[in-house]
Amino acid sequence: MQPIWDARVLLIPATLPVFSPHPANIPFMLIANMKKFSFILLSLMMSSGCSYFFNREAEPVVRSVEVNLTVATQVNPDAEDNSQPVRICIIETRRAGWLPQQLYEGRICEGLSAAADVINFEQYILAPGQKKTYKTINQDDDNGSRWVIVGAEFQRGIGRYSLIEKRIPQDGEFKIDVVAEKTSLTFL
């Protein structure tokens, strides 16, 4: 169809030419298009896969701490060697070698809430022969090192084994058994 020229309007043909490939070329065109599509899809998958691994923020580590306390029947003797209840505290801290503020005054378990390096703490007064389990599950956003400190306040003062410090492993699973006997703590 030939366009008709008019002085006022430019007429466009009513039917546009349509590309129709030769029937013998259709399989080759499909394969070529599939190759292009596969290449584009593979490129997209690889670029999104790399960004998935490299742009991820570090997920917080979940740390589980379990301390099983056992108080022997002969613990915290008074002047006549009679067993007395003992005050035991468990402290989670960010720093190795951390010491309680009032350690040398014989009060290990006091002033813990004001300490900057303390993450968590609990204190118990346990009778001779009593058992108690301390357990926490914390999410650690900074993925830093952690330590657990177990301290006991005995009537005869702070002894050589009144504090036990252990590092919590990076995988976050930590379990320890602590026994208070006479005037000292031991771990198993």
N, C-alpha and C. Protein backbone atom coordinates (compact mmCIF):
# COMPACT_ATOMS: atom_id res chain seq x y z
N MET A 1 0.84 -1.16 0.00
CA MET A 1 0.00 0.00 0.00
C MET A 1 0.90 1.24 0.00
N GLN A 2 0.63 2.14 -0.84
CA GLN A 2 1.40 3.36 -1.00
C GLN A 2 0.77 4.48 -0.19
N PRO A 3 1.63 5.27 0.52
CA PRO A 3 1.06 6.39 1.26
C PRO A 3 0.51 7.45 0.30
N ILE A 4 -0.53 8.05 0.72
CA ILE A 4 -1.15 9.09 -0.08
C ILE A 4 -0.71 10.42 0.50
N TRP A 5 -0.21 11.28 -0.39
CA TRP A 5 0.26 12.59 0.03
C TRP A 5 -0.84 13.60 -0.12
N ASP A 6 -1.06 14.25 0.94
CA ASP A 6 -2.04 15.32 0.92
C ASP A 6 -1.31 16.56 1.40
N ALA A 7 -1.73 17.68 1.03
CA ALA A 7 -1.06 18.90 1.41
C ALA A 7 -1.23 19.17 2.88
N ARG A 8 -2.27 18.69 3.47
CA ARG A 8 -2.53 18.98 4.87
C ARG A 8 -2.06 17.88 5.80
N VAL A 9 -2.11 16.65 5.43
CA VAL A 9 -1.86 15.54 6.34
C VAL A 9 -0.93 14.54 5.68
N LEU A 10 -0.03 14.05 6.49
CA LEU A 10 0.83 12.97 6.04
C LEU A 10 0.19 11.67 6.47
N LEU A 11 -0.18 10.86 5.56
CA LEU A 11 -0.84 9.61 5.87
C LEU A 11 0.19 8.50 6.02
N ILE A 12 -0.06 7.64 6.98
CA ILE A 12 0.82 6.51 7.26
C ILE A 12 0.09 5.27 6.79
N PRO A 13 0.83 4.31 6.28
CA PRO A 13 0.14 3.10 5.81
C PRO A 13 -0.63 2.44 6.95
N ALA A 14 -1.74 1.83 6.66
CA ALA A 14 -2.60 1.22 7.66
C ALA A 14 -1.99 -0.04 8.24
N THR A 15 -1.20 -0.74 7.52
CA THR A 15 -0.57 -1.96 8.02
C THR A 15 0.94 -1.76 8.00
N LEU A 16 1.56 -2.08 9.14
CA LEU A 16 3.00 -1.98 9.22
C LEU A 16 3.61 -3.28 8.75
N PRO A 17 4.80 -3.23 8.18
CA PRO A 17 5.42 -4.49 7.76
C PRO A 17 5.79 -5.31 9.01
N VAL A 18 5.48 -6.56 9.02
CA VAL A 18 5.76 -7.47 10.13
C VAL A 18 6.86 -8.41 9.72
N PHE A 19 7.85 -8.57 10.63
CA PHE A 19 8.94 -9.48 10.36
C PHE A 19 8.46 -10.90 10.58
N SER A 20 8.56 -11.70 9.61
CA SER A 20 8.20 -13.10 9.77
C SER A 20 9.37 -13.92 9.25
N PRO A 21 10.04 -14.63 10.18
CA PRO A 21 11.22 -15.40 9.76
C PRO A 21 10.82 -16.60 8.91
N HIS A 22 11.80 -17.04 8.20
CA HIS A 22 11.58 -18.24 7.40
C HIS A 22 11.40 -19.42 8.35
N PRO A 23 10.48 -20.33 8.09
CA PRO A 23 10.23 -21.44 9.01
C PRO A 23 11.46 -22.29 9.30
N ALA A 24 12.41 -22.34 8.44
CA ALA A 24 13.61 -23.14 8.69
C ALA A 24 14.53 -22.48 9.71
N ASN A 25 14.42 -21.17 9.90
CA ASN A 25 15.31 -20.44 10.82
C ASN A 25 14.76 -20.37 12.26
N ILE A 26 13.54 -20.77 12.50
CA ILE A 26 12.93 -20.65 13.84
C ILE A 26 13.71 -21.43 14.91
N PRO A 27 14.12 -22.70 14.73
CA PRO A 27 14.87 -23.39 15.79
C PRO A 27 16.18 -22.70 16.12
N PHE A 28 16.88 -22.18 15.14
CA PHE A 28 18.14 -21.49 15.39
C PHE A 28 17.91 -20.21 16.18
N MET A 29 16.83 -19.52 15.88
CA MET A 29 16.52 -18.29 16.60
C MET A 29 16.15 -18.59 18.05
N LEU A 30 15.43 -19.68 18.29
CA LEU A 30 15.07 -20.06 19.65
C LEU A 30 16.31 -20.39 20.47
N ILE A 31 17.23 -21.12 19.88
CA ILE A 31 18.47 -21.47 20.58
C ILE A 31 19.28 -20.21 20.88
N ALA A 32 19.37 -19.30 19.93
CA ALA A 32 20.11 -18.06 20.15
C ALA A 32 19.46 -17.24 21.25
N ASN A 33 18.14 -17.16 21.24
CA ASN A 33 17.44 -16.42 22.29
C ASN A 33 17.59 -17.10 23.65
N MET A 34 17.57 -18.42 23.71
CA MET A 34 17.75 -19.14 24.97
C MET A 34 19.16 -18.91 25.52
N LYS A 35 20.15 -18.86 24.64
CA LYS A 35 21.52 -18.60 25.09
C LYS A 35 21.62 -17.20 25.70
N LYS A 36 21.02 -16.22 25.03
CA LYS A 36 21.04 -14.85 25.56
C LYS A 36 20.31 -14.79 26.90
N PHE A 37 19.14 -15.42 26.97
CA PHE A 37 18.35 -15.42 28.21
C PHE A 37 19.11 -16.12 29.33
N SER A 38 19.74 -17.26 29.03
CA SER A 38 20.51 -17.99 30.04
C SER A 38 21.68 -17.16 30.53
N PHE A 39 22.36 -16.48 29.63
CA PHE A 39 23.49 -15.64 30.02
C PHE A 39 23.03 -14.50 30.92
N ILE A 40 21.93 -13.86 30.57
CA ILE A 40 21.40 -12.76 31.40
C ILE A 40 20.98 -13.29 32.76
N LEU A 41 20.29 -14.42 32.79
CA LEU A 41 19.84 -15.01 34.05
C LEU A 41 21.03 -15.42 34.93
N LEU A 42 22.03 -16.03 34.34
CA LEU A 42 23.21 -16.43 35.07
C LEU A 42 23.96 -15.21 35.62
N SER A 43 24.06 -14.16 34.84
CA SER A 43 24.71 -12.92 35.31
C SER A 43 23.96 -12.33 36.49
N LEU A 44 22.65 -12.29 36.41
CA LEU A 44 21.86 -11.76 37.52
C LEU A 44 22.02 -12.61 38.78
N MET A 45 22.01 -13.91 38.62
CA MET A 45 22.16 -14.80 39.78
C MET A 45 23.54 -14.64 40.43
N MET A 46 24.56 -14.51 39.60
CA MET A 46 25.91 -14.38 40.17
C MET A 46 26.08 -13.04 40.88
N SER A 47 25.58 -11.98 40.29
CA SER A 47 25.75 -10.68 40.93
C SER A 47 24.91 -10.58 42.20
N SER A 48 23.72 -11.15 42.21
CA SER A 48 22.93 -11.11 43.44
C SER A 48 23.51 -12.07 44.47
N GLY A 49 24.09 -13.17 44.04
CA GLY A 49 24.71 -14.10 44.98
C GLY A 49 25.91 -13.49 45.67
N CYS A 50 26.73 -12.77 44.96
CA CYS A 50 27.89 -12.13 45.57
C CYS A 50 27.46 -11.07 46.57
N SER A 51 26.47 -10.30 46.20
CA SER A 51 26.01 -9.27 47.14
C SER A 51 25.37 -9.91 48.36
N TYR A 52 24.80 -11.09 48.19
CA TYR A 52 24.20 -11.77 49.35
C TYR A 52 25.28 -12.13 50.36
N PHE A 53 26.44 -12.58 49.90
CA PHE A 53 27.49 -13.01 50.81
C PHE A 53 28.34 -11.85 51.33
N PHE A 54 28.56 -10.83 50.53
CA PHE A 54 29.49 -9.78 50.92
C PHE A 54 28.83 -8.59 51.61
N ASN A 55 27.55 -8.39 51.43
CA ASN A 55 26.89 -7.23 52.03
C ASN A 55 26.10 -7.60 53.27
N ARG A 56 26.22 -8.81 53.74
CA ARG A 56 25.46 -9.22 54.92
C ARG A 56 26.11 -8.65 56.17
N GLU A 57 25.27 -8.21 57.08
CA GLU A 57 25.77 -7.74 58.37
C GLU A 57 26.02 -8.96 59.25
N ALA A 58 26.95 -8.83 60.15
CA ALA A 58 27.26 -9.92 61.07
C ALA A 58 26.07 -10.15 62.00
N GLU A 59 25.66 -11.40 62.08
CA GLU A 59 24.54 -11.73 62.96
C GLU A 59 25.05 -11.89 64.38
N PRO A 60 24.25 -11.48 65.35
CA PRO A 60 24.70 -11.61 66.73
C PRO A 60 24.87 -13.08 67.13
N VAL A 61 25.88 -13.31 67.96
CA VAL A 61 26.15 -14.65 68.45
C VAL A 61 25.27 -14.89 69.68
N VAL A 62 24.60 -16.03 69.71
CA VAL A 62 23.81 -16.38 70.88
C VAL A 62 24.72 -17.17 71.81
N ARG A 63 24.86 -16.67 73.03
CA ARG A 63 25.74 -17.31 74.00
C ARG A 63 24.91 -17.89 75.13
N SER A 64 25.17 -19.14 75.41
CA SER A 64 24.48 -19.84 76.49
C SER A 64 25.50 -20.12 77.59
N VAL A 65 25.18 -19.67 78.80
CA VAL A 65 26.06 -19.87 79.95
C VAL A 65 25.28 -20.63 81.01
N GLU A 66 25.87 -21.72 81.47
CA GLU A 66 25.24 -22.51 82.53
C GLU A 66 26.27 -22.81 83.61
N VAL A 67 25.95 -22.42 84.84
CA VAL A 67 26.83 -22.68 85.98
C VAL A 67 26.02 -23.46 87.00
N ASN A 68 26.46 -24.67 87.29
CA ASN A 68 25.82 -25.51 88.30
C ASN A 68 26.58 -25.35 89.61
N LEU A 69 25.90 -24.83 90.61
CA LEU A 69 26.51 -24.60 91.92
C LEU A 69 26.10 -25.72 92.87
N THR A 70 27.07 -26.23 93.60
CA THR A 70 26.82 -27.23 94.64
C THR A 70 27.53 -26.77 95.89
N VAL A 71 26.80 -26.72 96.99
CA VAL A 71 27.38 -26.33 98.28
C VAL A 71 27.52 -27.60 99.12
N ALA A 72 28.74 -27.86 99.55
CA ALA A 72 29.00 -29.05 100.36
C ALA A 72 28.34 -28.90 101.74
N THR A 73 28.27 -29.99 102.49
CA THR A 73 27.69 -29.93 103.84
C THR A 73 28.63 -29.23 104.82
N GLN A 74 29.92 -29.28 104.55
CA GLN A 74 30.91 -28.57 105.37
C GLN A 74 31.37 -27.33 104.59
N VAL A 75 30.71 -26.20 104.85
CA VAL A 75 31.01 -24.99 104.11
C VAL A 75 30.89 -23.78 105.02
N ASN A 76 31.69 -22.77 104.76
CA ASN A 76 31.63 -21.49 105.45
C ASN A 76 31.56 -21.64 106.98
N PRO A 77 32.59 -22.27 107.57
CA PRO A 77 32.53 -22.53 109.02
C PRO A 77 32.63 -21.26 109.85
N ASP A 78 31.89 -21.27 110.96
CA ASP A 78 31.99 -20.14 111.91
C ASP A 78 33.11 -20.42 112.90
N ALA A 79 33.14 -19.70 113.99
CA ALA A 79 34.22 -19.84 114.99
C ALA A 79 34.23 -21.24 115.61
N GLU A 80 33.08 -21.90 115.73
CA GLU A 80 33.02 -23.25 116.31
C GLU A 80 33.01 -24.34 115.23
N ASP A 81 33.36 -24.02 114.00
CA ASP A 81 33.38 -24.94 112.86
C ASP A 81 32.01 -25.48 112.48
N ASN A 82 30.96 -24.73 112.75
CA ASN A 82 29.61 -25.10 112.29
C ASN A 82 29.40 -24.52 110.89
N SER A 83 28.81 -25.32 110.00
CA SER A 83 28.55 -24.86 108.64
C SER A 83 27.48 -23.79 108.63
N GLN A 84 27.68 -22.80 107.77
CA GLN A 84 26.77 -21.66 107.63
C GLN A 84 26.43 -21.44 106.15
N PRO A 85 25.32 -20.79 105.85
CA PRO A 85 25.03 -20.44 104.45
C PRO A 85 26.15 -19.57 103.88
N VAL A 86 26.30 -19.64 102.57
CA VAL A 86 27.35 -18.89 101.89
C VAL A 86 26.71 -18.07 100.77
N ARG A 87 27.23 -16.87 100.60
CA ARG A 87 26.76 -15.99 99.54
C ARG A 87 27.65 -16.20 98.32
N ILE A 88 27.02 -16.56 97.19
CA ILE A 88 27.74 -16.83 95.95
C ILE A 88 27.17 -15.94 94.86
N CYS A 89 28.06 -15.34 94.07
CA CYS A 89 27.60 -14.52 92.95
C CYS A 89 28.27 -15.01 91.66
N ILE A 90 27.52 -14.87 90.58
CA ILE A 90 28.00 -15.25 89.25
C ILE A 90 27.95 -13.99 88.39
N ILE A 91 29.07 -13.68 87.77
CA ILE A 91 29.22 -12.43 87.03
C ILE A 91 29.69 -12.75 85.62
N GLU A 92 29.01 -12.19 84.62
CA GLU A 92 29.49 -12.27 83.24
C GLU A 92 30.08 -10.91 82.90
N THR A 93 31.32 -10.92 82.39
CA THR A 93 32.03 -9.67 82.13
C THR A 93 32.68 -9.68 80.75
N ARG A 94 33.05 -8.50 80.28
CA ARG A 94 33.70 -8.34 78.98
C ARG A 94 35.23 -8.34 79.08
N ARG A 95 35.77 -8.38 80.27
CA ARG A 95 37.22 -8.18 80.43
C ARG A 95 37.83 -9.30 81.29
N ALA A 96 38.95 -9.81 80.83
CA ALA A 96 39.69 -10.81 81.61
C ALA A 96 40.34 -10.12 82.79
N GLY A 97 40.44 -10.82 83.91
CA GLY A 97 41.08 -10.28 85.09
C GLY A 97 40.24 -9.27 85.85
N TRP A 98 38.97 -9.19 85.53
CA TRP A 98 38.08 -8.24 86.20
C TRP A 98 37.93 -8.64 87.66
N LEU A 99 37.98 -7.66 88.55
CA LEU A 99 37.81 -7.91 89.98
C LEU A 99 36.68 -7.04 90.52
N PRO A 100 35.88 -7.58 91.44
CA PRO A 100 34.81 -6.78 92.05
C PRO A 100 35.38 -5.58 92.80
N GLN A 101 34.62 -4.49 92.83
CA GLN A 101 35.09 -3.25 93.45
C GLN A 101 35.41 -3.42 94.93
N GLN A 102 34.64 -4.21 95.64
CA GLN A 102 34.80 -4.34 97.08
C GLN A 102 35.39 -5.69 97.48
N LEU A 103 36.22 -6.22 96.61
CA LEU A 103 36.85 -7.53 96.85
C LEU A 103 37.66 -7.54 98.13
N TYR A 104 38.51 -6.55 98.33
CA TYR A 104 39.42 -6.57 99.47
C TYR A 104 38.74 -6.16 100.78
N GLU A 105 37.49 -5.79 100.70
CA GLU A 105 36.70 -5.56 101.91
C GLU A 105 35.92 -6.81 102.28
N GLY A 106 36.09 -7.88 101.50
CA GLY A 106 35.41 -9.14 101.77
C GLY A 106 34.00 -9.22 101.20
N ARG A 107 33.63 -8.26 100.36
CA ARG A 107 32.28 -8.24 99.80
C ARG A 107 32.36 -8.34 98.28
N ILE A 108 32.46 -9.55 97.80
CA ILE A 108 32.60 -9.82 96.37
C ILE A 108 31.33 -9.47 95.62
N CYS A 109 30.19 -9.72 96.21
CA CYS A 109 28.91 -9.63 95.50
C CYS A 109 28.24 -8.26 95.60
N GLU A 110 28.92 -7.24 96.07
CA GLU A 110 28.31 -5.91 96.19
C GLU A 110 28.87 -4.96 95.15
N GLY A 111 28.03 -4.02 94.72
CA GLY A 111 28.44 -2.99 93.77
C GLY A 111 28.58 -3.49 92.35
N LEU A 112 27.96 -4.60 92.01
CA LEU A 112 28.12 -5.18 90.68
C LEU A 112 27.32 -4.42 89.62
N SER A 113 26.21 -3.83 89.99
CA SER A 113 25.38 -3.16 88.99
C SER A 113 26.03 -1.89 88.47
N ALA A 114 26.95 -1.31 89.21
CA ALA A 114 27.61 -0.07 88.79
C ALA A 114 28.85 -0.32 87.94
N ALA A 115 29.29 -1.55 87.83
CA ALA A 115 30.52 -1.87 87.09
C ALA A 115 30.25 -1.82 85.58
N ALA A 116 31.13 -1.13 84.85
CA ALA A 116 30.94 -0.93 83.41
C ALA A 116 31.13 -2.21 82.60
N ASP A 117 32.04 -3.07 83.02
CA ASP A 117 32.34 -4.28 82.24
C ASP A 117 31.40 -5.44 82.54
N VAL A 118 30.50 -5.30 83.50
CA VAL A 118 29.59 -6.39 83.86
C VAL A 118 28.42 -6.44 82.88
N ILE A 119 28.22 -7.61 82.29
CA ILE A 119 27.12 -7.81 81.35
C ILE A 119 25.88 -8.31 82.08
N ASN A 120 26.11 -9.25 82.99
CA ASN A 120 25.01 -9.86 83.73
C ASN A 120 25.55 -10.40 85.05
N PHE A 121 24.71 -10.44 86.08
CA PHE A 121 25.14 -11.03 87.34
C PHE A 121 23.92 -11.50 88.13
N GLU A 122 24.16 -12.48 88.97
CA GLU A 122 23.16 -13.01 89.90
C GLU A 122 23.88 -13.33 91.19
N GLN A 123 23.15 -13.25 92.30
CA GLN A 123 23.74 -13.66 93.58
C GLN A 123 22.73 -14.50 94.34
N TYR A 124 23.27 -15.45 95.08
CA TYR A 124 22.45 -16.40 95.83
C TYR A 124 23.03 -16.56 97.24
N ILE A 125 22.17 -16.86 98.19
CA ILE A 125 22.60 -17.30 99.51
C ILE A 125 22.16 -18.75 99.61
N LEU A 126 23.16 -19.64 99.64
CA LEU A 126 22.88 -21.07 99.60
C LEU A 126 23.26 -21.73 100.92
N ALA A 127 22.38 -22.59 101.37
CA ALA A 127 22.60 -23.34 102.62
C ALA A 127 23.51 -24.54 102.35
N PRO A 128 24.14 -25.07 103.37
CA PRO A 128 24.96 -26.27 103.19
C PRO A 128 24.13 -27.41 102.58
N GLY A 129 24.70 -28.06 101.56
CA GLY A 129 24.03 -29.17 100.88
C GLY A 129 23.08 -28.72 99.77
N GLN A 130 22.90 -27.45 99.54
CA GLN A 130 21.96 -26.95 98.53
C GLN A 130 22.63 -26.87 97.16
N LYS A 131 21.81 -26.99 96.09
CA LYS A 131 22.29 -26.87 94.71
C LYS A 131 21.47 -25.79 94.00
N LYS A 132 22.10 -25.12 93.05
CA LYS A 132 21.43 -24.07 92.28
C LYS A 132 22.06 -24.02 90.90
N THR A 133 21.25 -23.74 89.88
CA THR A 133 21.75 -23.62 88.51
C THR A 133 21.49 -22.21 88.01
N TYR A 134 22.53 -21.60 87.52
CA TYR A 134 22.46 -20.28 86.88
C TYR A 134 22.54 -20.51 85.38
N LYS A 135 21.58 -19.96 84.64
CA LYS A 135 21.59 -20.16 83.19
C LYS A 135 21.10 -18.89 82.51
N THR A 136 21.86 -18.45 81.52
CA THR A 136 21.45 -17.30 80.71
C THR A 136 21.68 -17.61 79.25
N ILE A 137 20.88 -16.96 78.42
CA ILE A 137 21.07 -17.00 76.97
C ILE A 137 21.06 -15.55 76.53
N ASN A 138 22.21 -15.08 76.06
CA ASN A 138 22.36 -13.67 75.65
C ASN A 138 22.72 -13.60 74.19
N GLN A 139 22.23 -12.54 73.53
CA GLN A 139 22.70 -12.25 72.18
C GLN A 139 23.80 -11.22 72.29
N ASP A 140 24.93 -11.58 71.72
CA ASP A 140 26.10 -10.71 71.79
C ASP A 140 26.22 -9.96 70.48
N ASP A 141 25.95 -8.65 70.51
CA ASP A 141 26.01 -7.85 69.29
C ASP A 141 27.43 -7.48 68.89
N ASP A 142 28.33 -7.37 69.85
CA ASP A 142 29.69 -6.96 69.51
C ASP A 142 30.62 -8.15 69.25
N ASN A 143 30.14 -9.37 69.46
CA ASN A 143 30.92 -10.59 69.25
C ASN A 143 32.28 -10.56 69.95
N GLY A 144 32.39 -9.84 71.03
CA GLY A 144 33.63 -9.75 71.77
C GLY A 144 33.80 -10.91 72.74
N SER A 145 34.94 -10.94 73.39
CA SER A 145 35.22 -12.00 74.36
C SER A 145 34.42 -11.78 75.62
N ARG A 146 34.09 -12.89 76.27
CA ARG A 146 33.34 -12.85 77.52
C ARG A 146 33.97 -13.80 78.52
N TRP A 147 33.79 -13.46 79.80
CA TRP A 147 34.27 -14.30 80.90
C TRP A 147 33.16 -14.44 81.92
N VAL A 148 33.17 -15.57 82.62
CA VAL A 148 32.27 -15.77 83.74
C VAL A 148 33.12 -15.88 84.99
N ILE A 149 32.68 -15.19 86.03
CA ILE A 149 33.39 -15.18 87.31
C ILE A 149 32.42 -15.67 88.37
N VAL A 150 32.85 -16.64 89.15
CA VAL A 150 32.06 -17.14 90.28
C VAL A 150 32.82 -16.74 91.54
N GLY A 151 32.12 -16.06 92.44
CA GLY A 151 32.75 -15.61 93.68
C GLY A 151 31.92 -16.03 94.89
N ALA A 152 32.59 -16.26 96.00
CA ALA A 152 31.91 -16.65 97.25
C ALA A 152 32.43 -15.80 98.39
N GLU A 153 31.51 -15.39 99.27
CA GLU A 153 31.86 -14.61 100.46
C GLU A 153 31.79 -15.55 101.67
N PHE A 154 32.96 -15.83 102.23
CA PHE A 154 33.04 -16.70 103.40
C PHE A 154 33.22 -15.87 104.66
N GLN A 155 32.76 -16.43 105.80
CA GLN A 155 32.87 -15.70 107.07
C GLN A 155 34.31 -15.46 107.48
N ARG A 156 35.19 -16.33 107.10
CA ARG A 156 36.60 -16.17 107.48
C ARG A 156 37.37 -15.29 106.49
N GLY A 157 36.63 -14.61 105.63
CA GLY A 157 37.26 -13.67 104.70
C GLY A 157 37.50 -14.27 103.33
N ILE A 158 38.07 -13.45 102.49
CA ILE A 158 38.35 -13.84 101.12
C ILE A 158 39.62 -14.67 101.10
N GLY A 159 39.49 -15.86 100.61
CA GLY A 159 40.64 -16.76 100.55
C GLY A 159 41.24 -16.81 99.16
N ARG A 160 42.19 -17.69 99.01
CA ARG A 160 42.90 -17.84 97.74
C ARG A 160 41.97 -18.31 96.62
N TYR A 161 40.98 -19.10 96.97
CA TYR A 161 40.07 -19.66 95.97
C TYR A 161 38.64 -19.15 96.17
N SER A 162 38.50 -17.87 96.42
CA SER A 162 37.18 -17.27 96.57
C SER A 162 36.61 -16.81 95.23
N LEU A 163 37.44 -16.73 94.20
CA LEU A 163 37.01 -16.34 92.85
C LEU A 163 37.50 -17.35 91.84
N ILE A 164 36.63 -17.66 90.90
CA ILE A 164 37.01 -18.50 89.76
C ILE A 164 36.63 -17.74 88.51
N GLU A 165 37.55 -17.65 87.56
CA GLU A 165 37.29 -16.97 86.30
C GLU A 165 37.52 -17.94 85.15
N LYS A 166 36.58 -18.01 84.23
CA LYS A 166 36.71 -18.86 83.04
C LYS A 166 36.23 -18.10 81.82
N ARG A 167 36.92 -18.29 80.72
CA ARG A 167 36.54 -17.64 79.46
C ARG A 167 35.41 -18.41 78.80
N ILE A 168 34.43 -17.68 78.29
CA ILE A 168 33.32 -18.29 77.56
C ILE A 168 33.77 -18.43 76.11
N PRO A 169 33.70 -19.62 75.54
CA PRO A 169 34.17 -19.80 74.16
C PRO A 169 33.33 -18.99 73.16
N GLN A 170 33.93 -18.70 72.00
CA GLN A 170 33.27 -17.87 71.00
C GLN A 170 32.02 -18.53 70.42
N ASP A 171 31.95 -19.86 70.41
CA ASP A 171 30.75 -20.50 69.86
C ASP A 171 29.54 -20.33 70.78
N GLY A 172 29.78 -19.85 71.99
CA GLY A 172 28.67 -19.47 72.86
C GLY A 172 28.18 -20.55 73.80
N GLU A 173 28.66 -21.78 73.70
CA GLU A 173 28.21 -22.83 74.60
C GLU A 173 29.19 -22.95 75.76
N PHE A 174 28.70 -22.72 76.97
CA PHE A 174 29.58 -22.77 78.13
C PHE A 174 28.83 -23.41 79.29
N LYS A 175 29.47 -24.40 79.92
CA LYS A 175 28.87 -25.08 81.06
C LYS A 175 29.99 -25.42 82.04
N ILE A 176 29.76 -25.14 83.33
CA ILE A 176 30.76 -25.43 84.35
C ILE A 176 30.04 -25.83 85.64
N ASP A 177 30.66 -26.73 86.37
CA ASP A 177 30.16 -27.14 87.68
C ASP A 177 31.11 -26.58 88.74
N VAL A 178 30.55 -25.88 89.72
CA VAL A 178 31.34 -25.26 90.79
C VAL A 178 30.87 -25.80 92.13
N VAL A 179 31.84 -26.15 92.98
CA VAL A 179 31.54 -26.67 94.31
C VAL A 179 32.13 -25.71 95.34
N ALA A 180 31.29 -25.30 96.31
CA ALA A 180 31.76 -24.51 97.45
C ALA A 180 31.93 -25.46 98.62
N GLU A 181 33.16 -25.54 99.13
CA GLU A 181 33.45 -26.46 100.23
C GLU A 181 34.40 -25.77 101.20
N LYS A 182 34.08 -25.84 102.48
CA LYS A 182 34.82 -25.17 103.55
C LYS A 182 34.98 -23.69 103.22
N THR A 183 36.15 -23.22 102.84
CA THR A 183 36.33 -21.80 102.54
C THR A 183 36.92 -21.59 101.14
N SER A 184 36.54 -22.43 100.20
CA SER A 184 37.06 -22.28 98.85
C SER A 184 36.05 -22.77 97.80
N LEU A 185 36.29 -22.34 96.58
CA LEU A 185 35.52 -22.78 95.41
C LEU A 185 36.42 -23.65 94.55
N THR A 186 35.84 -24.68 93.97
CA THR A 186 36.55 -25.50 92.99
C THR A 186 35.62 -25.72 91.82
N PHE A 187 36.18 -25.92 90.64
CA PHE A 187 35.36 -26.21 89.47
C PHE A 187 35.71 -27.59 88.96
N LEU A 188 34.71 -28.23 88.38
CA LEU A 188 34.88 -29.58 87.85
C LEU A 188 34.86 -29.57 86.34
